[in-house]
Amino acid sequence: MRSREIEQYKESLRLSKLQRETLIGLLLGDAHLETQNGGGTYRLEVEYGIRQNLYVDHLYDLFREWVLTRPRHKRDDSHNNLWFQTVSHRAFRFYAHQFYVERKKRVPRLIHRFLTPRGLAYWFMDDASLKSRESKGVLFNTQGFLKADVERLTDLLVRRFDIKATLRAQREGWQVYVSGKSFERFRELVEPFVLSSMRYKLPAARITQMPKK
């Protein structure tokens, strides 16, 4: 497309409810927004290791109308990644204002209004793992956030989603830890949205009672 055609095309773009919910989960994880014109517009950029190619393809399909080129490789001595970025658009400006303070990513004060079970699932797929398959505790890698931000996330999980969550100290910062006692509840919320390629991160629920004869 020529630049004028691109600008005309961008005028027709609107974020869908599905895209908005997914975007919240991605921004709690590794995705980021960037601007090239002092905050007038922003674009979404996602980048993951080559082993997550199915996940990258899924996100590309989800935001396809916002992306002008297919996912591309980015290689150096220590990384072999896939990435893509959307067009710059004012639709992302609201989320940039919520998630960034002086160019540093923060957890929005109104995150309780934005995070849905779908967003929780994408946050999980993007940036979480099991502590162990025996305990089924879930660890979210939130070390890049300030402690107050991580506290806001744990409070949200407890109050809105009825999930037992606490802070877990790490050398690099603080993680959100979802207790294995809440695994069944956590799984109930996110399972409908977890991709088949990510099912390895979400084992079967624990058996809490003897089966009926």
N, C-alpha and C. Protein backbone atom coordinates (compact mmCIF):
# COMPACT_ATOMS: atom_id res chain seq x y z
N MET A 1 0.83 -1.20 0.00
CA MET A 1 0.00 0.00 0.00
C MET A 1 0.87 1.26 0.00
N ARG A 2 0.38 2.30 -0.66
CA ARG A 2 1.03 3.59 -0.57
C ARG A 2 0.64 4.26 0.74
N SER A 3 1.45 5.23 1.15
CA SER A 3 1.23 5.87 2.45
C SER A 3 -0.16 6.48 2.56
N ARG A 4 -0.66 7.09 1.50
CA ARG A 4 -1.99 7.69 1.55
C ARG A 4 -3.06 6.62 1.68
N GLU A 5 -2.88 5.50 0.98
CA GLU A 5 -3.83 4.39 1.08
C GLU A 5 -3.81 3.79 2.47
N ILE A 6 -2.62 3.71 3.06
CA ILE A 6 -2.50 3.17 4.41
C ILE A 6 -3.26 4.06 5.40
N GLU A 7 -3.08 5.36 5.29
CA GLU A 7 -3.76 6.27 6.20
C GLU A 7 -5.27 6.18 6.04
N GLN A 8 -5.75 6.04 4.82
CA GLN A 8 -7.18 5.89 4.60
C GLN A 8 -7.69 4.57 5.18
N TYR A 9 -6.88 3.53 5.01
CA TYR A 9 -7.26 2.22 5.55
C TYR A 9 -7.32 2.27 7.08
N LYS A 10 -6.35 2.92 7.70
CA LYS A 10 -6.30 2.99 9.16
C LYS A 10 -7.53 3.67 9.74
N GLU A 11 -8.10 4.59 8.99
CA GLU A 11 -9.29 5.29 9.47
C GLU A 11 -10.46 4.34 9.70
N SER A 12 -10.46 3.20 9.03
CA SER A 12 -11.56 2.24 9.15
C SER A 12 -11.36 1.27 10.31
N LEU A 13 -10.19 1.28 10.95
CA LEU A 13 -9.87 0.28 11.96
C LEU A 13 -10.48 0.62 13.31
N ARG A 14 -11.03 -0.41 13.97
CA ARG A 14 -11.53 -0.30 15.34
C ARG A 14 -11.17 -1.59 16.07
N LEU A 15 -10.73 -1.46 17.31
CA LEU A 15 -10.44 -2.64 18.11
C LEU A 15 -11.74 -3.32 18.52
N SER A 16 -11.82 -4.63 18.29
CA SER A 16 -12.99 -5.40 18.71
C SER A 16 -12.91 -5.72 20.20
N LYS A 17 -14.00 -6.15 20.78
CA LYS A 17 -14.02 -6.55 22.19
C LYS A 17 -13.01 -7.66 22.44
N LEU A 18 -12.94 -8.64 21.56
CA LEU A 18 -11.98 -9.73 21.70
C LEU A 18 -10.55 -9.19 21.67
N GLN A 19 -10.26 -8.29 20.76
CA GLN A 19 -8.92 -7.71 20.67
C GLN A 19 -8.58 -6.90 21.91
N ARG A 20 -9.53 -6.15 22.42
CA ARG A 20 -9.28 -5.32 23.61
C ARG A 20 -8.99 -6.19 24.82
N GLU A 21 -9.76 -7.26 25.01
CA GLU A 21 -9.55 -8.14 26.15
C GLU A 21 -8.19 -8.85 26.04
N THR A 22 -7.87 -9.28 24.84
CA THR A 22 -6.59 -9.95 24.62
C THR A 22 -5.44 -8.98 24.86
N LEU A 23 -5.57 -7.76 24.39
CA LEU A 23 -4.52 -6.76 24.53
C LEU A 23 -4.15 -6.53 25.99
N ILE A 24 -5.13 -6.51 26.87
CA ILE A 24 -4.85 -6.31 28.30
C ILE A 24 -3.95 -7.43 28.82
N GLY A 25 -4.27 -8.67 28.47
CA GLY A 25 -3.43 -9.79 28.91
C GLY A 25 -2.03 -9.72 28.35
N LEU A 26 -1.91 -9.34 27.08
CA LEU A 26 -0.59 -9.26 26.45
C LEU A 26 0.26 -8.17 27.08
N LEU A 27 -0.36 -7.05 27.43
CA LEU A 27 0.41 -5.96 28.02
C LEU A 27 0.82 -6.26 29.46
N LEU A 28 0.08 -7.09 30.15
CA LEU A 28 0.53 -7.55 31.46
C LEU A 28 1.72 -8.50 31.31
N GLY A 29 1.85 -9.09 30.13
CA GLY A 29 2.97 -9.97 29.84
C GLY A 29 4.10 -9.23 29.13
N ASP A 30 4.56 -9.82 28.02
CA ASP A 30 5.77 -9.32 27.37
C ASP A 30 5.54 -8.34 26.22
N ALA A 31 4.33 -8.21 25.75
CA ALA A 31 4.07 -7.29 24.65
C ALA A 31 4.24 -5.85 25.11
N HIS A 32 4.47 -4.95 24.17
CA HIS A 32 4.61 -3.54 24.54
C HIS A 32 4.08 -2.63 23.45
N LEU A 33 3.81 -1.40 23.86
CA LEU A 33 3.37 -0.35 22.96
C LEU A 33 4.48 0.67 22.80
N GLU A 34 4.62 1.18 21.58
CA GLU A 34 5.63 2.20 21.35
C GLU A 34 5.07 3.29 20.44
N THR A 35 5.62 4.48 20.59
CA THR A 35 5.20 5.62 19.78
C THR A 35 6.38 6.20 19.03
N GLN A 36 6.09 6.75 17.87
CA GLN A 36 7.13 7.40 17.07
C GLN A 36 6.82 8.87 16.82
N ASN A 37 5.76 9.37 17.45
CA ASN A 37 5.37 10.75 17.22
C ASN A 37 4.96 11.46 18.51
N GLY A 38 5.68 11.13 19.58
CA GLY A 38 5.45 11.83 20.84
C GLY A 38 4.14 11.50 21.53
N GLY A 39 3.57 10.35 21.23
CA GLY A 39 2.35 9.92 21.91
C GLY A 39 1.07 10.19 21.14
N GLY A 40 1.19 10.66 19.90
CA GLY A 40 -0.02 10.87 19.11
C GLY A 40 -0.69 9.57 18.75
N THR A 41 0.11 8.59 18.35
CA THR A 41 -0.37 7.24 18.05
C THR A 41 0.62 6.24 18.61
N TYR A 42 0.17 5.00 18.74
CA TYR A 42 1.03 3.92 19.24
C TYR A 42 0.83 2.68 18.38
N ARG A 43 1.79 1.78 18.44
CA ARG A 43 1.67 0.50 17.78
C ARG A 43 2.02 -0.60 18.78
N LEU A 44 1.40 -1.74 18.60
CA LEU A 44 1.64 -2.92 19.42
C LEU A 44 2.74 -3.76 18.79
N GLU A 45 3.71 -4.18 19.60
CA GLU A 45 4.76 -5.08 19.13
C GLU A 45 4.81 -6.31 20.01
N VAL A 46 4.83 -7.48 19.37
CA VAL A 46 4.94 -8.74 20.09
C VAL A 46 6.13 -9.51 19.54
N GLU A 47 6.83 -10.19 20.42
CA GLU A 47 8.00 -10.96 20.03
C GLU A 47 8.18 -12.14 20.98
N TYR A 48 8.32 -13.35 20.39
CA TYR A 48 8.47 -14.56 21.18
C TYR A 48 9.48 -15.47 20.51
N GLY A 49 9.98 -16.43 21.29
CA GLY A 49 10.92 -17.40 20.76
C GLY A 49 10.29 -18.23 19.66
N ILE A 50 11.14 -18.77 18.80
CA ILE A 50 10.68 -19.53 17.64
C ILE A 50 9.83 -20.72 18.04
N ARG A 51 10.04 -21.25 19.25
CA ARG A 51 9.24 -22.40 19.70
C ARG A 51 7.78 -22.02 19.93
N GLN A 52 7.52 -20.73 20.07
CA GLN A 52 6.15 -20.27 20.26
C GLN A 52 5.53 -19.79 18.94
N ASN A 53 5.97 -20.40 17.84
CA ASN A 53 5.50 -19.95 16.53
C ASN A 53 3.99 -20.07 16.37
N LEU A 54 3.38 -21.10 16.94
CA LEU A 54 1.93 -21.25 16.83
C LEU A 54 1.21 -20.14 17.59
N TYR A 55 1.77 -19.75 18.71
CA TYR A 55 1.20 -18.66 19.49
C TYR A 55 1.32 -17.34 18.72
N VAL A 56 2.47 -17.10 18.12
CA VAL A 56 2.67 -15.89 17.32
C VAL A 56 1.70 -15.87 16.14
N ASP A 57 1.55 -17.00 15.46
CA ASP A 57 0.62 -17.06 14.33
C ASP A 57 -0.81 -16.77 14.78
N HIS A 58 -1.17 -17.30 15.95
CA HIS A 58 -2.51 -17.05 16.48
C HIS A 58 -2.72 -15.55 16.75
N LEU A 59 -1.75 -14.90 17.38
CA LEU A 59 -1.89 -13.48 17.67
C LEU A 59 -1.91 -12.66 16.39
N TYR A 60 -1.12 -13.08 15.41
CA TYR A 60 -1.15 -12.41 14.12
C TYR A 60 -2.55 -12.50 13.49
N ASP A 61 -3.13 -13.70 13.52
CA ASP A 61 -4.48 -13.87 12.98
C ASP A 61 -5.50 -13.01 13.74
N LEU A 62 -5.29 -12.92 15.05
CA LEU A 62 -6.22 -12.16 15.89
C LEU A 62 -6.19 -10.66 15.57
N PHE A 63 -5.00 -10.15 15.24
CA PHE A 63 -4.84 -8.72 14.95
C PHE A 63 -4.54 -8.49 13.46
N ARG A 64 -4.93 -9.43 12.62
CA ARG A 64 -4.51 -9.42 11.21
C ARG A 64 -4.79 -8.09 10.51
N GLU A 65 -5.96 -7.51 10.73
CA GLU A 65 -6.29 -6.29 9.98
C GLU A 65 -5.44 -5.09 10.43
N TRP A 66 -4.76 -5.25 11.57
CA TRP A 66 -3.91 -4.18 12.09
C TRP A 66 -2.45 -4.33 11.65
N VAL A 67 -2.12 -5.44 10.99
CA VAL A 67 -0.73 -5.76 10.68
C VAL A 67 -0.54 -5.79 9.16
N LEU A 68 0.47 -5.11 8.67
CA LEU A 68 0.69 -5.02 7.24
C LEU A 68 1.63 -6.09 6.71
N THR A 69 2.46 -6.67 7.58
CA THR A 69 3.39 -7.73 7.15
C THR A 69 3.29 -8.91 8.10
N ARG A 70 3.49 -10.08 7.59
CA ARG A 70 3.42 -11.31 8.39
C ARG A 70 4.56 -11.34 9.41
N PRO A 71 4.45 -12.20 10.45
CA PRO A 71 5.54 -12.33 11.43
C PRO A 71 6.87 -12.62 10.76
N ARG A 72 7.92 -12.00 11.29
CA ARG A 72 9.26 -12.14 10.74
C ARG A 72 10.24 -12.65 11.79
N HIS A 73 11.33 -13.23 11.31
CA HIS A 73 12.38 -13.73 12.20
C HIS A 73 13.28 -12.58 12.65
N LYS A 74 13.76 -12.71 13.87
CA LYS A 74 14.77 -11.80 14.39
C LYS A 74 15.83 -12.67 15.07
N ARG A 75 16.99 -12.70 14.49
CA ARG A 75 18.05 -13.58 14.98
C ARG A 75 19.28 -12.78 15.42
N ASP A 76 19.93 -13.26 16.49
CA ASP A 76 21.25 -12.78 16.86
C ASP A 76 21.99 -13.95 17.51
N ASP A 77 23.08 -13.69 18.18
CA ASP A 77 23.90 -14.77 18.73
C ASP A 77 23.19 -15.59 19.80
N SER A 78 22.21 -15.00 20.48
CA SER A 78 21.56 -15.70 21.59
C SER A 78 20.05 -15.85 21.43
N HIS A 79 19.46 -15.28 20.38
CA HIS A 79 18.02 -15.34 20.24
C HIS A 79 17.62 -15.72 18.81
N ASN A 80 16.52 -16.45 18.74
CA ASN A 80 15.90 -16.77 17.46
C ASN A 80 14.39 -16.59 17.67
N ASN A 81 13.92 -15.41 17.35
CA ASN A 81 12.56 -15.01 17.69
C ASN A 81 11.70 -14.75 16.47
N LEU A 82 10.39 -14.73 16.70
CA LEU A 82 9.41 -14.27 15.72
C LEU A 82 8.75 -13.02 16.27
N TRP A 83 8.50 -12.05 15.39
CA TRP A 83 7.87 -10.82 15.88
C TRP A 83 7.02 -10.20 14.78
N PHE A 84 6.08 -9.39 15.22
CA PHE A 84 5.35 -8.54 14.29
C PHE A 84 4.89 -7.30 15.05
N GLN A 85 4.51 -6.30 14.31
CA GLN A 85 3.98 -5.08 14.91
C GLN A 85 2.78 -4.58 14.11
N THR A 86 1.88 -3.92 14.81
CA THR A 86 0.71 -3.37 14.16
C THR A 86 1.05 -2.02 13.53
N VAL A 87 0.12 -1.47 12.81
CA VAL A 87 0.26 -0.09 12.37
C VAL A 87 0.15 0.82 13.59
N SER A 88 0.70 2.00 13.49
CA SER A 88 0.53 3.00 14.55
C SER A 88 -0.89 3.58 14.43
N HIS A 89 -1.56 3.68 15.57
CA HIS A 89 -2.96 4.09 15.53
C HIS A 89 -3.36 4.72 16.86
N ARG A 90 -4.26 5.66 16.80
CA ARG A 90 -4.72 6.32 18.02
C ARG A 90 -5.53 5.41 18.92
N ALA A 91 -6.03 4.27 18.38
CA ALA A 91 -6.81 3.34 19.20
C ALA A 91 -5.98 2.75 20.34
N PHE A 92 -4.67 2.69 20.17
CA PHE A 92 -3.80 2.14 21.21
C PHE A 92 -3.39 3.19 22.23
N ARG A 93 -3.70 4.44 21.97
CA ARG A 93 -3.25 5.52 22.85
C ARG A 93 -3.84 5.40 24.25
N PHE A 94 -5.12 5.05 24.34
CA PHE A 94 -5.75 4.88 25.65
C PHE A 94 -4.99 3.86 26.49
N TYR A 95 -4.60 2.74 25.88
CA TYR A 95 -3.92 1.67 26.62
C TYR A 95 -2.50 2.08 26.99
N ALA A 96 -1.85 2.86 26.13
CA ALA A 96 -0.53 3.37 26.47
C ALA A 96 -0.60 4.29 27.68
N HIS A 97 -1.63 5.13 27.73
CA HIS A 97 -1.78 6.03 28.87
C HIS A 97 -2.08 5.26 30.15
N GLN A 98 -2.73 4.12 30.04
CA GLN A 98 -3.03 3.31 31.21
C GLN A 98 -1.81 2.52 31.69
N PHE A 99 -1.02 2.01 30.76
CA PHE A 99 0.04 1.06 31.10
C PHE A 99 1.44 1.67 31.22
N TYR A 100 1.61 2.93 30.82
CA TYR A 100 2.95 3.50 30.84
C TYR A 100 2.99 4.82 31.60
N VAL A 101 4.01 4.95 32.45
CA VAL A 101 4.29 6.19 33.15
C VAL A 101 5.75 6.52 32.89
N GLU A 102 5.99 7.63 32.18
CA GLU A 102 7.34 8.03 31.81
C GLU A 102 8.07 6.88 31.11
N ARG A 103 7.36 6.26 30.17
CA ARG A 103 7.88 5.19 29.31
C ARG A 103 8.18 3.88 30.04
N LYS A 104 7.81 3.78 31.30
CA LYS A 104 7.99 2.54 32.05
C LYS A 104 6.65 1.87 32.23
N LYS A 105 6.58 0.56 31.95
CA LYS A 105 5.31 -0.13 32.04
C LYS A 105 4.87 -0.27 33.50
N ARG A 106 3.61 0.04 33.74
CA ARG A 106 3.00 -0.05 35.05
C ARG A 106 1.69 -0.83 34.95
N VAL A 107 1.17 -1.28 36.08
CA VAL A 107 -0.15 -1.89 36.12
C VAL A 107 -1.18 -0.78 36.32
N PRO A 108 -2.16 -0.66 35.43
CA PRO A 108 -3.14 0.43 35.55
C PRO A 108 -3.89 0.39 36.88
N ARG A 109 -4.17 1.55 37.42
CA ARG A 109 -4.96 1.62 38.65
C ARG A 109 -6.37 1.06 38.44
N LEU A 110 -6.84 1.12 37.20
CA LEU A 110 -8.18 0.61 36.90
C LEU A 110 -8.14 -0.78 36.28
N ILE A 111 -7.09 -1.54 36.57
CA ILE A 111 -6.96 -2.87 35.96
C ILE A 111 -8.14 -3.75 36.31
N HIS A 112 -8.79 -3.52 37.44
CA HIS A 112 -9.94 -4.32 37.84
C HIS A 112 -11.11 -4.14 36.87
N ARG A 113 -11.12 -3.02 36.13
CA ARG A 113 -12.18 -2.80 35.13
C ARG A 113 -11.85 -3.44 33.79
N PHE A 114 -10.57 -3.70 33.56
CA PHE A 114 -10.12 -4.13 32.23
C PHE A 114 -9.90 -5.63 32.10
N LEU A 115 -9.42 -6.28 33.17
CA LEU A 115 -9.01 -7.68 33.06
C LEU A 115 -10.20 -8.62 33.14
N THR A 116 -10.40 -9.41 32.10
CA THR A 116 -11.47 -10.40 32.01
C THR A 116 -10.84 -11.80 32.04
N PRO A 117 -11.65 -12.85 32.16
CA PRO A 117 -11.07 -14.20 32.08
C PRO A 117 -10.27 -14.43 30.80
N ARG A 118 -10.72 -13.88 29.68
CA ARG A 118 -9.93 -14.02 28.44
C ARG A 118 -8.57 -13.34 28.59
N GLY A 119 -8.57 -12.11 29.12
CA GLY A 119 -7.31 -11.42 29.33
C GLY A 119 -6.41 -12.18 30.30
N LEU A 120 -7.00 -12.75 31.34
CA LEU A 120 -6.24 -13.55 32.30
C LEU A 120 -5.59 -14.74 31.61
N ALA A 121 -6.31 -15.37 30.69
CA ALA A 121 -5.78 -16.52 29.97
C ALA A 121 -4.58 -16.12 29.10
N TYR A 122 -4.68 -14.97 28.43
CA TYR A 122 -3.56 -14.54 27.59
C TYR A 122 -2.37 -14.11 28.44
N TRP A 123 -2.62 -13.49 29.57
CA TRP A 123 -1.53 -13.18 30.51
C TRP A 123 -0.85 -14.47 30.95
N PHE A 124 -1.65 -15.49 31.25
CA PHE A 124 -1.10 -16.79 31.65
C PHE A 124 -0.27 -17.42 30.53
N MET A 125 -0.82 -17.46 29.32
CA MET A 125 -0.09 -18.07 28.21
C MET A 125 1.18 -17.30 27.90
N ASP A 126 1.12 -16.00 28.08
CA ASP A 126 2.22 -15.12 27.72
C ASP A 126 3.37 -15.18 28.71
N ASP A 127 3.06 -15.24 30.00
CA ASP A 127 4.12 -14.94 30.96
C ASP A 127 4.00 -15.71 32.28
N ALA A 128 3.44 -16.91 32.26
CA ALA A 128 3.28 -17.66 33.50
C ALA A 128 3.70 -19.11 33.32
N SER A 129 3.88 -19.78 34.44
CA SER A 129 4.26 -21.20 34.43
C SER A 129 3.79 -21.84 35.73
N LEU A 130 3.80 -23.17 35.76
CA LEU A 130 3.47 -23.89 36.98
C LEU A 130 4.70 -23.95 37.88
N LYS A 131 4.49 -23.76 39.18
CA LYS A 131 5.58 -23.96 40.13
C LYS A 131 6.03 -25.40 40.08
N SER A 132 5.07 -26.32 40.04
CA SER A 132 5.33 -27.75 39.83
C SER A 132 4.01 -28.40 39.45
N ARG A 133 4.07 -29.52 38.77
CA ARG A 133 2.85 -30.21 38.36
C ARG A 133 2.20 -30.89 39.56
N GLU A 134 2.95 -31.06 40.63
CA GLU A 134 2.37 -31.66 41.84
C GLU A 134 1.57 -30.62 42.63
N SER A 135 2.18 -29.46 42.87
CA SER A 135 1.50 -28.44 43.68
C SER A 135 0.45 -27.69 42.87
N LYS A 136 0.68 -27.56 41.55
CA LYS A 136 -0.19 -26.83 40.64
C LYS A 136 -0.34 -25.35 40.99
N GLY A 137 0.62 -24.83 41.74
CA GLY A 137 0.68 -23.39 41.93
C GLY A 137 1.13 -22.73 40.63
N VAL A 138 0.60 -21.55 40.35
CA VAL A 138 0.90 -20.83 39.11
C VAL A 138 1.73 -19.59 39.45
N LEU A 139 2.82 -19.40 38.71
CA LEU A 139 3.70 -18.25 38.90
C LEU A 139 3.61 -17.32 37.70
N PHE A 140 3.30 -16.06 37.97
CA PHE A 140 3.32 -15.03 36.93
C PHE A 140 4.62 -14.23 37.08
N ASN A 141 5.34 -14.09 35.99
CA ASN A 141 6.64 -13.41 36.03
C ASN A 141 6.47 -11.90 35.93
N THR A 142 6.13 -11.32 37.07
CA THR A 142 5.84 -9.89 37.14
C THR A 142 7.02 -9.09 37.71
N GLN A 143 8.23 -9.65 37.64
CA GLN A 143 9.39 -9.01 38.24
C GLN A 143 9.68 -7.63 37.66
N GLY A 144 9.22 -7.36 36.46
CA GLY A 144 9.47 -6.06 35.84
C GLY A 144 8.60 -4.94 36.39
N PHE A 145 7.58 -5.29 37.16
CA PHE A 145 6.69 -4.29 37.74
C PHE A 145 7.15 -3.90 39.14
N LEU A 146 6.74 -2.72 39.58
CA LEU A 146 7.00 -2.30 40.95
C LEU A 146 6.19 -3.17 41.92
N LYS A 147 6.65 -3.23 43.15
CA LYS A 147 5.96 -4.05 44.15
C LYS A 147 4.51 -3.62 44.29
N ALA A 148 4.24 -2.30 44.28
CA ALA A 148 2.87 -1.81 44.41
C ALA A 148 2.00 -2.30 43.27
N ASP A 149 2.57 -2.43 42.08
CA ASP A 149 1.82 -2.93 40.93
C ASP A 149 1.48 -4.41 41.11
N VAL A 150 2.45 -5.17 41.60
CA VAL A 150 2.22 -6.60 41.81
C VAL A 150 1.18 -6.80 42.91
N GLU A 151 1.22 -5.97 43.93
CA GLU A 151 0.20 -6.03 44.98
C GLU A 151 -1.19 -5.75 44.40
N ARG A 152 -1.25 -4.82 43.46
CA ARG A 152 -2.53 -4.50 42.82
C ARG A 152 -3.07 -5.71 42.06
N LEU A 153 -2.18 -6.43 41.40
CA LEU A 153 -2.60 -7.62 40.65
C LEU A 153 -3.07 -8.74 41.57
N THR A 154 -2.34 -8.98 42.65
CA THR A 154 -2.77 -10.04 43.58
C THR A 154 -4.10 -9.69 44.21
N ASP A 155 -4.28 -8.42 44.56
CA ASP A 155 -5.55 -8.00 45.15
C ASP A 155 -6.69 -8.20 44.16
N LEU A 156 -6.43 -7.92 42.88
CA LEU A 156 -7.44 -8.13 41.84
C LEU A 156 -7.83 -9.59 41.74
N LEU A 157 -6.85 -10.48 41.72
CA LEU A 157 -7.14 -11.90 41.60
C LEU A 157 -7.98 -12.40 42.77
N VAL A 158 -7.66 -11.89 43.96
CA VAL A 158 -8.39 -12.31 45.16
C VAL A 158 -9.82 -11.77 45.13
N ARG A 159 -9.96 -10.48 44.90
CA ARG A 159 -11.25 -9.83 45.05
C ARG A 159 -12.19 -10.07 43.88
N ARG A 160 -11.68 -10.04 42.66
CA ARG A 160 -12.57 -10.17 41.51
C ARG A 160 -12.77 -11.61 41.08
N PHE A 161 -11.68 -12.41 41.13
CA PHE A 161 -11.76 -13.75 40.58
C PHE A 161 -11.81 -14.84 41.65
N ASP A 162 -11.78 -14.45 42.92
CA ASP A 162 -11.86 -15.42 44.02
C ASP A 162 -10.74 -16.45 43.92
N ILE A 163 -9.53 -15.97 43.66
CA ILE A 163 -8.34 -16.80 43.54
C ILE A 163 -7.39 -16.45 44.68
N LYS A 164 -6.84 -17.46 45.34
CA LYS A 164 -5.85 -17.23 46.40
C LYS A 164 -4.52 -16.87 45.74
N ALA A 165 -4.09 -15.62 45.91
CA ALA A 165 -2.86 -15.15 45.28
C ALA A 165 -2.05 -14.32 46.28
N THR A 166 -0.74 -14.45 46.21
CA THR A 166 0.16 -13.72 47.09
C THR A 166 1.38 -13.27 46.30
N LEU A 167 2.20 -12.43 46.93
CA LEU A 167 3.46 -12.01 46.35
C LEU A 167 4.54 -13.04 46.69
N ARG A 168 5.47 -13.22 45.77
CA ARG A 168 6.60 -14.13 45.99
C ARG A 168 7.89 -13.39 45.64
N ALA A 169 8.75 -13.23 46.63
CA ALA A 169 9.97 -12.46 46.44
C ALA A 169 10.97 -13.23 45.58
N GLN A 170 11.57 -12.53 44.63
CA GLN A 170 12.64 -13.06 43.79
C GLN A 170 13.80 -12.06 43.77
N ARG A 171 14.96 -12.51 43.36
CA ARG A 171 16.10 -11.62 43.32
C ARG A 171 15.83 -10.42 42.41
N GLU A 172 15.10 -10.67 41.30
CA GLU A 172 14.87 -9.61 40.32
C GLU A 172 13.65 -8.77 40.65
N GLY A 173 12.85 -9.17 41.64
CA GLY A 173 11.62 -8.43 41.94
C GLY A 173 10.58 -9.31 42.58
N TRP A 174 9.32 -9.15 42.18
CA TRP A 174 8.20 -9.85 42.81
C TRP A 174 7.37 -10.58 41.78
N GLN A 175 7.01 -11.82 42.11
CA GLN A 175 6.11 -12.61 41.28
C GLN A 175 4.73 -12.66 41.92
N VAL A 176 3.71 -12.86 41.09
CA VAL A 176 2.38 -13.22 41.57
C VAL A 176 2.32 -14.74 41.66
N TYR A 177 1.96 -15.23 42.84
CA TYR A 177 1.85 -16.68 43.03
C TYR A 177 0.39 -17.04 43.31
N VAL A 178 -0.17 -17.87 42.44
CA VAL A 178 -1.52 -18.39 42.62
C VAL A 178 -1.41 -19.75 43.30
N SER A 179 -1.97 -19.85 44.47
CA SER A 179 -1.88 -21.09 45.25
C SER A 179 -2.50 -22.27 44.51
N GLY A 180 -1.88 -23.44 44.66
CA GLY A 180 -2.44 -24.66 44.10
C GLY A 180 -3.84 -24.94 44.62
N LYS A 181 -4.17 -24.40 45.79
CA LYS A 181 -5.51 -24.58 46.35
C LYS A 181 -6.57 -23.90 45.48
N SER A 182 -6.15 -22.95 44.66
CA SER A 182 -7.07 -22.25 43.76
C SER A 182 -6.94 -22.72 42.32
N PHE A 183 -6.21 -23.81 42.10
CA PHE A 183 -5.94 -24.20 40.72
C PHE A 183 -7.23 -24.55 39.97
N GLU A 184 -8.14 -25.26 40.60
CA GLU A 184 -9.37 -25.63 39.93
C GLU A 184 -10.16 -24.38 39.52
N ARG A 185 -10.22 -23.40 40.41
CA ARG A 185 -10.90 -22.15 40.11
C ARG A 185 -10.17 -21.41 38.97
N PHE A 186 -8.86 -21.36 39.04
CA PHE A 186 -8.07 -20.70 38.00
C PHE A 186 -8.28 -21.39 36.66
N ARG A 187 -8.22 -22.70 36.66
CA ARG A 187 -8.40 -23.45 35.41
C ARG A 187 -9.79 -23.21 34.83
N GLU A 188 -10.80 -23.17 35.67
CA GLU A 188 -12.17 -22.94 35.22
C GLU A 188 -12.28 -21.62 34.46
N LEU A 189 -11.55 -20.60 34.92
CA LEU A 189 -11.63 -19.28 34.31
C LEU A 189 -10.91 -19.22 32.96
N VAL A 190 -9.71 -19.82 32.89
CA VAL A 190 -8.87 -19.60 31.70
C VAL A 190 -8.98 -20.70 30.65
N GLU A 191 -9.41 -21.90 31.03
CA GLU A 191 -9.39 -23.03 30.10
C GLU A 191 -10.12 -22.76 28.78
N PRO A 192 -11.28 -22.08 28.78
CA PRO A 192 -11.96 -21.87 27.49
C PRO A 192 -11.14 -21.08 26.47
N PHE A 193 -10.11 -20.37 26.93
CA PHE A 193 -9.35 -19.48 26.04
C PHE A 193 -7.91 -19.94 25.80
N VAL A 194 -7.48 -20.98 26.47
CA VAL A 194 -6.11 -21.45 26.31
C VAL A 194 -5.98 -22.23 25.00
N LEU A 195 -5.01 -21.88 24.18
CA LEU A 195 -4.81 -22.53 22.89
C LEU A 195 -4.33 -23.96 23.07
N SER A 196 -4.63 -24.80 22.11
CA SER A 196 -4.21 -26.20 22.18
C SER A 196 -2.69 -26.31 22.27
N SER A 197 -1.97 -25.40 21.61
CA SER A 197 -0.51 -25.44 21.66
C SER A 197 0.03 -25.03 23.02
N MET A 198 -0.82 -24.47 23.87
CA MET A 198 -0.41 -24.04 25.20
C MET A 198 -0.98 -24.92 26.31
N ARG A 199 -1.64 -26.00 25.94
CA ARG A 199 -2.27 -26.85 26.93
C ARG A 199 -1.26 -27.50 27.88
N TYR A 200 -0.02 -27.61 27.44
CA TYR A 200 1.00 -28.21 28.30
C TYR A 200 1.21 -27.37 29.57
N LYS A 201 0.84 -26.10 29.52
CA LYS A 201 0.98 -25.24 30.69
C LYS A 201 -0.18 -25.38 31.67
N LEU A 202 -1.21 -26.11 31.27
CA LEU A 202 -2.42 -26.20 32.08
C LEU A 202 -2.82 -27.65 32.25
N PRO A 203 -2.23 -28.36 33.22
CA PRO A 203 -2.55 -29.77 33.39
C PRO A 203 -3.96 -29.98 33.91
N ALA A 204 -4.37 -31.23 33.95
CA ALA A 204 -5.70 -31.55 34.43
C ALA A 204 -5.88 -31.13 35.87
N ALA A 205 -7.12 -30.82 36.22
CA ALA A 205 -7.43 -30.43 37.59
C ALA A 205 -7.18 -31.59 38.54
N ARG A 206 -6.89 -31.22 39.79
CA ARG A 206 -6.67 -32.25 40.80
C ARG A 206 -7.98 -32.93 41.15
N ILE A 207 -7.94 -34.21 41.47
CA ILE A 207 -9.12 -34.94 41.91
C ILE A 207 -9.36 -34.63 43.37
N THR A 208 -10.48 -34.04 43.68
CA THR A 208 -10.77 -33.62 45.05
C THR A 208 -11.69 -34.58 45.79
N GLN A 209 -12.27 -35.52 45.08
CA GLN A 209 -13.12 -36.49 45.75
C GLN A 209 -13.09 -37.81 44.98
N MET A 210 -13.47 -38.88 45.69
CA MET A 210 -13.46 -40.20 45.07
C MET A 210 -14.59 -40.29 44.05
N PRO A 211 -14.32 -40.91 42.89
CA PRO A 211 -15.37 -41.03 41.90
C PRO A 211 -16.51 -41.91 42.40
N LYS A 212 -17.72 -41.61 41.92
CA LYS A 212 -18.87 -42.40 42.34
C LYS A 212 -18.83 -43.75 41.67
N LYS A 213 -19.28 -44.77 42.37
CA LYS A 213 -19.33 -46.14 41.84
C LYS A 213 -20.64 -46.35 41.07
